[in-house]
């Protein structure tokens, strides 16, 4: 297999100098607007289930076992996320499918059924059995994130601007899910109890699968059902310069952004001098994230996506630095909203890089591999923030800004070294 695909894009690619070559636009599928609406509704539902599941599981175990249930809830939430490491292998199921709708719809339904089943079984069967059900459901996780997003360009077709706009709306579904998921748990748990709340999340995932089955068959793979072995797909990511650099940059960046909500709670409490000040700071970050994603849907970006992504990493570093330097609570609110917005725009840009540089036979595996690397780094960042925040939230944010800035430096050095060697990267 060559080091990098000569033309990894179904339509277009890059020049030998790495400049964008838009190539011919793919024809817009019939009823594209309706198909995109169905896709976004399904994505928002399944990501609401995913965004609320950790909160729901912790709330449920606390309700069943008291304060001692917090550790079990945390364990179950971790087990729901851990199977993302198997993402490149589960993505290959999607890659090799002639029709991806049953694969995705089945994965969404399996996630919802496993989540609801584990909630119903908790306290009635052994903890090991509940954990096993959670792990099985978690295997669907990669298909709910990168796997689903990998189908979007094939579904939308059209020109580059249409695809970038659709990616912005897709990014917004993550923001919706991260806000609506915990909101559903908070609302239902306070009235009906945590069990109905978790069951509602499971039902949302099943409904997402049903909706997805209504999409046209145009979501099938561009490689006509062919799929690269996982090992070869991973080599593509590492040997294709833009994919390698963006994966490294976003992985490094996620160390900081993964823990920013933890830091927000502590910093907000010290600046606002009220119990809810920290939570409000975190909510503002989430609102900024959603607004940034919606902005990219309304005003899609243009230009070569890798360079744009690296610039946005630099902007995100500045935004996190502003959070560290905020002199008061009101300024911190604006700074965290800006950090959330830049994070969302950055994420949308990474979707464009994946879409442009992924070879058709490994599109899903590239999307999922990069998503899994980001999630693993984010989880490590959350744990690290919990340690650093004890020293001081401003120091934690300042170190986070430095870490994100180092990602820009790493990308620039990689590009220059590749150019000096005359390689395809």
Protein backbone atom coordinates (compact mmCIF):
# COMPACT_ATOMS: atom_id res chain seq x y z
CA UNK A 1 0.00 0.00 0.00
CA UNK A 2 1.40 3.47 -0.76
CA UNK A 3 2.36 5.75 2.08
CA UNK A 4 -0.57 8.03 1.40
CA UNK A 5 -3.45 7.88 -1.06
CA UNK A 6 -2.80 9.85 -4.20
CA UNK A 7 -6.28 11.31 -4.15
CA UNK A 8 -8.10 10.49 -0.94
CA UNK A 9 -11.12 12.65 -1.69
CA UNK A 10 -14.05 11.30 -3.69
CA UNK A 11 -14.20 14.72 -5.34
CA UNK A 12 -11.00 16.73 -5.49
CA UNK A 13 -7.88 16.46 -3.36
CA UNK A 14 -4.70 18.45 -2.96
CA UNK A 15 -2.00 19.68 -5.23
CA UNK A 16 1.57 18.40 -4.82
CA UNK A 17 2.20 21.52 -2.72
CA UNK A 18 -0.65 20.74 -0.35
CA UNK A 19 -2.95 23.49 -1.64
CA UNK A 20 -6.64 22.72 -1.94
CA UNK A 21 -7.91 21.43 -5.25
CA UNK A 22 -11.67 21.54 -5.08
CA UNK A 23 -12.23 19.26 -8.03
CA UNK A 24 -15.67 18.64 -9.47
CA UNK A 25 -18.61 18.91 -7.13
CA UNK A 26 -20.54 15.71 -6.55
CA UNK A 27 -24.18 15.88 -7.60
CA UNK A 28 -26.59 16.81 -4.86
CA UNK A 29 -28.75 13.81 -3.92
CA UNK A 30 -32.50 14.18 -4.41
CA UNK A 31 -34.43 15.40 -1.34
CA UNK A 32 -31.13 16.41 0.26
CA UNK A 33 -32.76 18.93 2.58
CA UNK A 34 -35.17 16.38 4.00
CA UNK A 35 -32.42 13.78 4.35
CA UNK A 36 -30.20 16.26 6.22
CA UNK A 37 -33.08 17.13 8.57
CA UNK A 38 -33.63 13.45 9.35
CA UNK A 39 -29.88 12.95 9.88
CA UNK A 40 -29.63 15.91 12.27
CA UNK A 41 -32.70 14.83 14.25
CA UNK A 42 -31.26 11.33 14.62
CA UNK A 43 -27.81 12.68 15.53
CA UNK A 44 -29.23 15.07 18.14
CA UNK A 45 -31.29 12.30 19.75
CA UNK A 46 -28.51 9.74 19.96
CA UNK A 47 -25.99 12.31 21.19
CA UNK A 48 -28.48 13.48 23.79
CA UNK A 49 -28.61 9.89 25.03
CA UNK A 50 -24.82 9.72 25.05
CA UNK A 51 -24.40 13.12 26.70
CA UNK A 52 -26.85 12.34 29.49
CA UNK A 53 -25.92 8.72 30.15
CA UNK A 54 -22.99 9.32 32.57
CA UNK A 55 -25.05 11.79 34.62
CA UNK A 56 -28.03 9.42 34.57
CA UNK A 57 -26.02 6.42 35.71
CA UNK A 58 -24.44 8.32 38.60
CA UNK A 59 -27.83 9.71 39.64
CA UNK A 60 -29.36 6.24 39.52
CA UNK A 61 -26.65 4.57 41.60
CA UNK A 62 -26.84 7.37 44.16
CA UNK A 63 -30.59 6.85 44.38
CA UNK A 64 -30.20 3.08 44.82
CA UNK A 65 -27.18 2.95 47.13
CA UNK A 66 -26.83 6.40 48.71
CA UNK A 67 -23.48 8.18 48.76
CA UNK A 68 -21.69 4.88 48.32
CA UNK A 69 -23.23 4.60 44.85
CA UNK A 70 -21.16 7.44 43.43
CA UNK A 71 -18.14 5.20 42.87
CA UNK A 72 -20.27 2.54 41.15
CA UNK A 73 -21.92 5.20 38.98
CA UNK A 74 -18.54 6.54 37.97
CA UNK A 75 -17.36 3.04 37.13
CA UNK A 76 -20.41 2.33 34.96
CA UNK A 77 -19.99 5.66 33.18
CA UNK A 78 -16.34 4.82 32.49
CA UNK A 79 -17.28 1.37 31.20
CA UNK A 80 -19.76 2.99 28.83
CA UNK A 81 -16.95 5.11 27.36
CA UNK A 82 -14.05 2.62 27.45
CA UNK A 83 -15.22 0.55 24.43
CA UNK A 84 -14.50 3.58 22.25
CA UNK A 85 -10.97 2.20 22.12
CA UNK A 86 -12.36 -0.55 19.88
CA UNK A 87 -13.61 2.15 17.50
CA UNK A 88 -11.38 1.35 14.49
CA UNK A 89 -12.64 -2.24 14.50
CA UNK A 90 -16.31 -1.40 14.93
CA UNK A 91 -15.93 1.26 12.23
CA UNK A 92 -14.83 -1.43 9.81
CA UNK A 93 -18.26 -3.05 10.12
CA UNK A 94 -19.68 0.23 8.88
CA UNK A 95 -17.03 0.56 6.18
CA UNK A 96 -17.73 -2.84 4.64
CA UNK A 97 -21.53 -2.49 4.64
CA UNK A 98 -23.29 -2.09 1.29
CA UNK A 99 -26.00 -0.17 3.13
CA UNK A 100 -24.89 1.58 6.31
CA UNK A 101 -28.36 2.38 7.59
CA UNK A 102 -29.03 -0.99 9.31
CA UNK A 103 -25.56 -0.93 10.91
CA UNK A 104 -25.99 2.54 12.39
CA UNK A 105 -29.65 2.08 13.30
CA UNK A 106 -28.87 -1.25 14.98
CA UNK A 107 -25.97 0.29 16.91
CA UNK A 108 -28.14 3.16 18.17
CA UNK A 109 -30.91 0.78 19.22
CA UNK A 110 -28.40 -1.54 20.94
CA UNK A 111 -26.99 1.39 22.89
CA UNK A 112 -30.43 2.48 24.03
CA UNK A 113 -31.57 -1.03 24.96
CA UNK A 114 -28.34 -1.73 26.85
CA UNK A 115 -28.60 1.55 28.77
CA UNK A 116 -32.23 0.96 29.69
CA UNK A 117 -31.63 -2.72 30.45
CA UNK A 118 -28.73 -1.97 32.76
CA UNK A 119 -30.80 0.65 34.58
CA UNK A 120 -33.67 -1.79 35.10
CA UNK A 121 -31.32 -4.59 36.18
CA UNK A 122 -29.31 -2.49 38.65
CA UNK A 123 -29.88 -3.84 42.14
CA UNK A 124 -31.63 -6.98 40.89
CA UNK A 125 -28.67 -8.82 39.34
CA UNK A 126 -24.95 -8.85 40.05
CA UNK A 127 -22.91 -5.72 39.41
CA UNK A 128 -20.74 -7.72 37.00
CA UNK A 129 -23.79 -8.53 34.88
CA UNK A 130 -24.83 -4.88 34.78
CA UNK A 131 -21.29 -3.89 33.86
CA UNK A 132 -21.24 -6.42 31.02
CA UNK A 133 -24.44 -4.98 29.57
CA UNK A 134 -22.99 -1.47 29.80
CA UNK A 135 -19.82 -2.53 27.97
CA UNK A 136 -21.85 -4.13 25.18
CA UNK A 137 -23.82 -0.93 24.79
CA UNK A 138 -20.62 1.11 24.84
CA UNK A 139 -19.36 -0.71 21.74
CA UNK A 140 -21.90 1.33 19.79
CA UNK A 141 -20.33 4.57 21.02
CA UNK A 142 -17.83 5.05 18.16
CA UNK A 143 -20.60 4.62 15.59
CA UNK A 144 -22.67 7.30 17.33
CA UNK A 145 -19.88 9.86 17.02
CA UNK A 146 -17.26 9.53 14.29
CA UNK A 147 -19.02 6.69 12.52
CA UNK A 148 -22.19 8.70 12.00
CA UNK A 149 -20.31 11.85 11.04
CA UNK A 150 -18.32 9.93 8.43
CA UNK A 151 -21.53 9.37 6.44
CA UNK A 152 -22.52 13.02 6.27
CA UNK A 153 -20.51 14.12 3.21
CA UNK A 154 -21.79 11.11 1.25
CA UNK A 155 -25.35 11.93 2.23
CA UNK A 156 -25.17 15.65 1.46
CA UNK A 157 -23.11 15.65 -1.74
CA UNK A 158 -23.12 19.05 -3.44
CA UNK A 159 -20.18 21.43 -3.40
CA UNK A 160 -17.59 22.05 -0.71
CA UNK A 161 -19.58 24.88 0.87
CA UNK A 162 -22.63 22.61 1.27
CA UNK A 163 -20.52 19.98 3.00
CA UNK A 164 -18.89 22.50 5.35
CA UNK A 165 -22.30 23.89 6.28
CA UNK A 166 -23.63 20.40 6.99
CA UNK A 167 -20.58 19.66 9.14
CA UNK A 168 -21.33 22.79 11.15
CA UNK A 169 -24.87 21.58 11.84
CA UNK A 170 -23.49 18.13 12.70
CA UNK A 171 -21.12 19.73 15.19
CA UNK A 172 -24.10 21.52 16.73
CA UNK A 173 -25.77 18.18 17.50
CA UNK A 174 -22.91 17.41 19.90
CA UNK A 175 -23.57 20.69 21.67
CA UNK A 176 -27.28 19.98 21.81
CA UNK A 177 -26.61 16.52 23.22
CA UNK A 178 -24.19 17.73 25.87
CA UNK A 179 -26.72 20.28 27.09
CA UNK A 180 -29.99 18.40 26.56
CA UNK A 181 -28.76 15.04 27.92
CA UNK A 182 -27.92 16.24 31.43
CA UNK A 183 -30.96 18.54 31.23
CA UNK A 184 -33.27 15.58 30.61
CA UNK A 185 -31.77 13.77 33.59
CA UNK A 186 -32.06 16.82 35.83
CA UNK A 187 -35.66 17.48 34.81
CA UNK A 188 -37.00 13.94 35.02
CA UNK A 189 -34.96 12.85 38.01
CA UNK A 190 -36.37 15.73 40.02
CA UNK A 191 -39.97 14.80 39.23
CA UNK A 192 -40.23 11.12 38.34
CA UNK A 193 -36.89 9.81 39.59
CA UNK A 194 -33.56 8.83 37.98
CA UNK A 195 -34.79 5.50 36.57
CA UNK A 196 -37.38 7.08 34.23
CA UNK A 197 -34.70 9.61 33.25
CA UNK A 198 -32.26 6.88 32.15
CA UNK A 199 -35.08 4.99 30.41
CA UNK A 200 -35.94 8.17 28.50
CA UNK A 201 -32.33 8.43 27.32
CA UNK A 202 -32.45 4.81 26.16
CA UNK A 203 -35.69 5.49 24.29
CA UNK A 204 -34.09 8.52 22.61
CA UNK A 205 -31.28 6.32 21.24
CA UNK A 206 -33.76 3.73 19.94
CA UNK A 207 -35.83 6.48 18.30
CA UNK A 208 -32.65 7.83 16.72
CA UNK A 209 -32.07 4.43 15.14
CA UNK A 210 -35.61 4.31 13.78
CA UNK A 211 -35.23 7.77 12.28
CA UNK A 212 -31.91 6.90 10.69
CA UNK A 213 -33.49 3.98 8.86
CA UNK A 214 -35.58 6.54 6.97
CA UNK A 215 -32.52 8.01 5.28
CA UNK A 216 -31.92 7.28 1.59
CA UNK A 217 -29.45 4.57 0.77
CA UNK A 218 -27.00 7.29 -0.31
CA UNK A 219 -25.25 6.92 3.02
CA UNK A 220 -23.56 3.74 1.80
CA UNK A 221 -19.78 3.79 1.52
CA UNK A 222 -18.11 5.55 -1.37
CA UNK A 223 -15.85 2.53 -1.79
CA UNK A 224 -18.82 0.34 -2.80
CA UNK A 225 -18.63 -1.83 0.28
CA UNK A 226 -14.85 -2.35 0.19
CA UNK A 227 -12.89 -1.75 3.37
CA UNK A 228 -9.25 -1.44 4.36
CA UNK A 229 -7.88 -3.63 7.12
CA UNK A 230 -7.65 -1.67 10.37
CA UNK A 231 -3.85 -1.77 10.32
CA UNK A 232 -3.75 -0.17 6.86
CA UNK A 233 -6.32 2.45 7.83
CA UNK A 234 -4.22 3.45 10.85
CA UNK A 235 -1.20 3.77 8.56
CA UNK A 236 -3.20 6.12 6.34
CA UNK A 237 -3.87 8.39 9.33
CA UNK A 238 -0.21 8.39 10.36
CA UNK A 239 1.24 8.80 6.86
CA UNK A 240 -1.18 11.36 5.42
CA UNK A 241 0.27 14.64 6.62
CA UNK A 242 -2.93 16.66 7.23
CA UNK A 243 -4.62 13.77 9.04
CA UNK A 244 -1.55 13.08 11.17
CA UNK A 245 -1.02 16.71 12.10
CA UNK A 246 -4.64 17.43 12.89
CA UNK A 247 -5.02 14.25 14.94
CA UNK A 248 -1.91 15.14 16.94
CA UNK A 249 -3.02 18.75 17.40
CA UNK A 250 -6.55 17.88 18.52
CA UNK A 251 -5.30 15.10 20.78
CA UNK A 252 -2.94 17.53 22.52
CA UNK A 253 -5.64 20.21 22.68
CA UNK A 254 -8.11 17.80 24.26
CA UNK A 255 -5.82 17.41 27.27
CA UNK A 256 -6.73 21.00 28.10
CA UNK A 257 -10.33 21.19 26.91
CA UNK A 258 -11.17 17.85 28.53
CA UNK A 259 -10.68 19.33 31.98
CA UNK A 260 -11.89 22.86 31.45
CA UNK A 261 -15.31 22.23 33.00
CA UNK A 262 -13.68 20.88 36.15
CA UNK A 263 -11.58 24.03 36.39
CA UNK A 264 -14.61 26.23 35.61
CA UNK A 265 -16.48 24.94 38.64
CA UNK A 266 -13.59 25.78 41.00
CA UNK A 267 -12.71 29.13 39.40
CA UNK A 268 -16.35 30.20 39.27
CA UNK A 269 -16.80 29.43 42.94
CA UNK A 270 -13.79 31.55 43.89
CA UNK A 271 -14.81 34.48 41.67
CA UNK A 272 -18.57 34.42 42.14
CA UNK A 273 -18.71 33.61 45.84
CA UNK A 274 -21.94 31.64 45.41
CA UNK A 275 -22.69 27.89 45.23
CA UNK A 276 -23.97 28.03 41.65
CA UNK A 277 -21.30 30.34 40.21
CA UNK A 278 -19.03 27.51 39.08
CA UNK A 279 -21.85 25.55 37.46
CA UNK A 280 -22.96 28.72 35.68
CA UNK A 281 -19.46 29.20 34.30
CA UNK A 282 -19.53 25.64 32.97
CA UNK A 283 -22.99 26.19 31.47
CA UNK A 284 -21.77 29.35 29.73
CA UNK A 285 -18.91 27.36 28.22
CA UNK A 286 -21.43 24.82 26.91
CA UNK A 287 -23.70 27.56 25.55
CA UNK A 288 -20.73 29.17 23.79
CA UNK A 289 -19.83 25.80 22.33
CA UNK A 290 -23.32 25.36 20.90
CA UNK A 291 -23.41 28.91 19.53
CA UNK A 292 -20.04 28.42 17.85
CA UNK A 293 -21.25 25.24 16.18
CA UNK A 294 -24.47 26.90 15.01
CA UNK A 295 -22.43 29.77 13.61
CA UNK A 296 -20.43 27.40 11.40
CA UNK A 297 -23.70 25.93 10.14
CA UNK A 298 -25.02 29.35 9.14
CA UNK A 299 -21.69 30.70 7.86
CA UNK A 300 -19.64 27.72 6.61
CA UNK A 301 -15.90 28.21 6.46
CA UNK A 302 -13.81 27.97 3.31
CA UNK A 303 -10.19 27.41 2.38
CA UNK A 304 -7.73 24.59 3.02
CA UNK A 305 -9.04 22.82 6.15
CA UNK A 306 -5.74 21.77 7.73
CA UNK A 307 -4.29 25.27 7.86
CA UNK A 308 -7.60 26.60 9.12
CA UNK A 309 -7.63 23.98 11.88
CA UNK A 310 -4.14 24.88 13.07
CA UNK A 311 -5.07 28.58 13.17
CA UNK A 312 -8.17 27.75 15.20
CA UNK A 313 -6.05 25.76 17.67
CA UNK A 314 -4.03 28.95 18.19
CA UNK A 315 -7.23 30.97 18.72
CA UNK A 316 -8.46 28.38 21.23
CA UNK A 317 -5.18 28.68 23.14
CA UNK A 318 -5.68 32.45 23.38
CA UNK A 319 -9.26 31.98 24.60
CA UNK A 320 -8.16 29.59 27.35
CA UNK A 321 -5.41 32.05 28.30
CA UNK A 322 -8.07 34.77 28.65
CA UNK A 323 -9.97 32.47 31.02
CA UNK A 324 -6.86 32.20 33.18
CA UNK A 325 -6.36 35.97 33.23
CA UNK A 326 -9.99 36.94 33.94
CA UNK A 327 -9.90 39.55 36.71
CA UNK A 328 -13.52 39.08 37.75
CA UNK A 329 -16.59 36.90 37.35
CA UNK A 330 -18.26 38.88 34.56
CA UNK A 331 -15.11 38.84 32.43
CA UNK A 332 -14.75 35.11 33.14
CA UNK A 333 -18.26 34.53 31.79
CA UNK A 334 -17.33 36.11 28.47
CA UNK A 335 -13.96 34.33 28.37
CA UNK A 336 -15.45 30.90 28.96
CA UNK A 337 -18.18 31.53 26.39
CA UNK A 338 -15.45 32.47 23.89
CA UNK A 339 -13.43 29.37 24.77
CA UNK A 340 -16.49 27.19 24.20
CA UNK A 341 -17.25 28.86 20.87
CA UNK A 342 -13.69 28.51 19.57
CA UNK A 343 -13.64 24.87 20.64
CA UNK A 344 -16.78 24.18 18.59
CA UNK A 345 -15.49 25.97 15.49
CA UNK A 346 -12.23 24.05 15.85
CA UNK A 347 -14.10 20.75 16.07
CA UNK A 348 -16.05 21.57 12.90
CA UNK A 349 -12.79 22.31 11.10
CA UNK A 350 -11.42 18.90 12.11
CA UNK A 351 -14.50 17.26 10.58
CA UNK A 352 -13.63 19.00 7.32
CA UNK A 353 -10.06 17.67 7.47
CA UNK A 354 -11.32 14.14 8.02
CA UNK A 355 -13.81 14.49 5.18
CA UNK A 356 -11.31 15.93 2.69
CA UNK A 357 -8.34 13.65 3.33
CA UNK A 358 -9.97 10.30 4.20
CA UNK A 359 -9.74 7.66 1.47
CA UNK A 360 -13.16 6.20 0.56
CA UNK A 361 -12.22 2.71 1.74
CA UNK A 362 -11.26 3.95 5.21
CA UNK A 363 -13.50 6.97 5.75
CA UNK A 364 -15.31 5.63 8.82
CA UNK A 365 -12.12 4.24 10.34
CA UNK A 366 -10.33 7.58 9.95
CA UNK A 367 -13.23 9.49 11.50
CA UNK A 368 -13.54 7.07 14.41
CA UNK A 369 -9.80 6.73 15.03
CA UNK A 370 -9.38 10.49 15.32
CA UNK A 371 -12.48 10.76 17.50
CA UNK A 372 -11.24 8.01 19.82
CA UNK A 373 -7.83 9.65 20.19
CA UNK A 374 -9.55 12.89 21.12
CA UNK A 375 -11.87 11.21 23.65
CA UNK A 376 -9.04 9.31 25.33
CA UNK A 377 -6.99 12.49 25.60
CA UNK A 378 -10.00 14.38 26.95
CA UNK A 379 -10.55 11.75 29.64
CA UNK A 380 -6.91 12.03 30.66
CA UNK A 381 -7.27 15.80 30.73
CA UNK A 382 -10.27 15.56 33.04
CA UNK A 383 -8.30 13.44 35.48
CA UNK A 384 -5.29 15.76 35.26
CA UNK A 385 -7.44 18.84 35.84
CA UNK A 386 -8.80 17.29 39.01
CA UNK A 387 -5.23 17.15 40.31
CA UNK A 388 -4.00 20.53 39.07
CA UNK A 389 -7.05 22.46 40.20
CA UNK A 390 -6.04 21.80 43.79
CA UNK A 391 -2.93 23.89 43.18
CA UNK A 392 -4.99 26.68 41.65
CA UNK A 393 -7.57 27.02 38.84
CA UNK A 394 -5.72 29.88 37.16
CA UNK A 395 -2.52 27.85 37.03
CA UNK A 396 -4.44 24.91 35.59
CA UNK A 397 -5.91 27.14 32.86
CA UNK A 398 -2.55 28.77 32.11
CA UNK A 399 -0.92 25.36 31.72
CA UNK A 400 -3.83 24.32 29.53
CA UNK A 401 -3.28 27.32 27.25
CA UNK A 402 0.41 26.44 26.98
CA UNK A 403 -0.44 22.84 26.12
CA UNK A 404 -2.82 23.96 23.36
CA UNK A 405 -0.22 26.40 22.01
CA UNK A 406 2.30 23.55 21.88
CA UNK A 407 -0.09 21.73 19.53
CA UNK A 408 0.28 24.60 17.05
CA UNK A 409 4.06 24.39 17.30
CA UNK A 410 3.99 20.63 16.77
CA UNK A 411 1.84 20.98 13.65
CA UNK A 412 4.06 23.70 12.16
CA UNK A 413 7.25 21.72 12.82
CA UNK A 414 5.72 18.56 11.33
CA UNK A 415 4.68 20.40 8.16
CA UNK A 416 8.13 21.96 7.70
CA UNK A 417 9.95 18.68 8.31
CA UNK A 418 7.68 16.92 5.80
CA UNK A 419 8.24 19.68 3.24
CA UNK A 420 12.02 19.49 3.75
CA UNK A 421 11.94 15.74 3.13
CA UNK A 422 9.83 16.19 0.05
CA UNK A 423 7.32 13.59 1.24
CA UNK A 424 3.57 13.50 0.54
CA UNK A 425 2.82 14.80 4.06
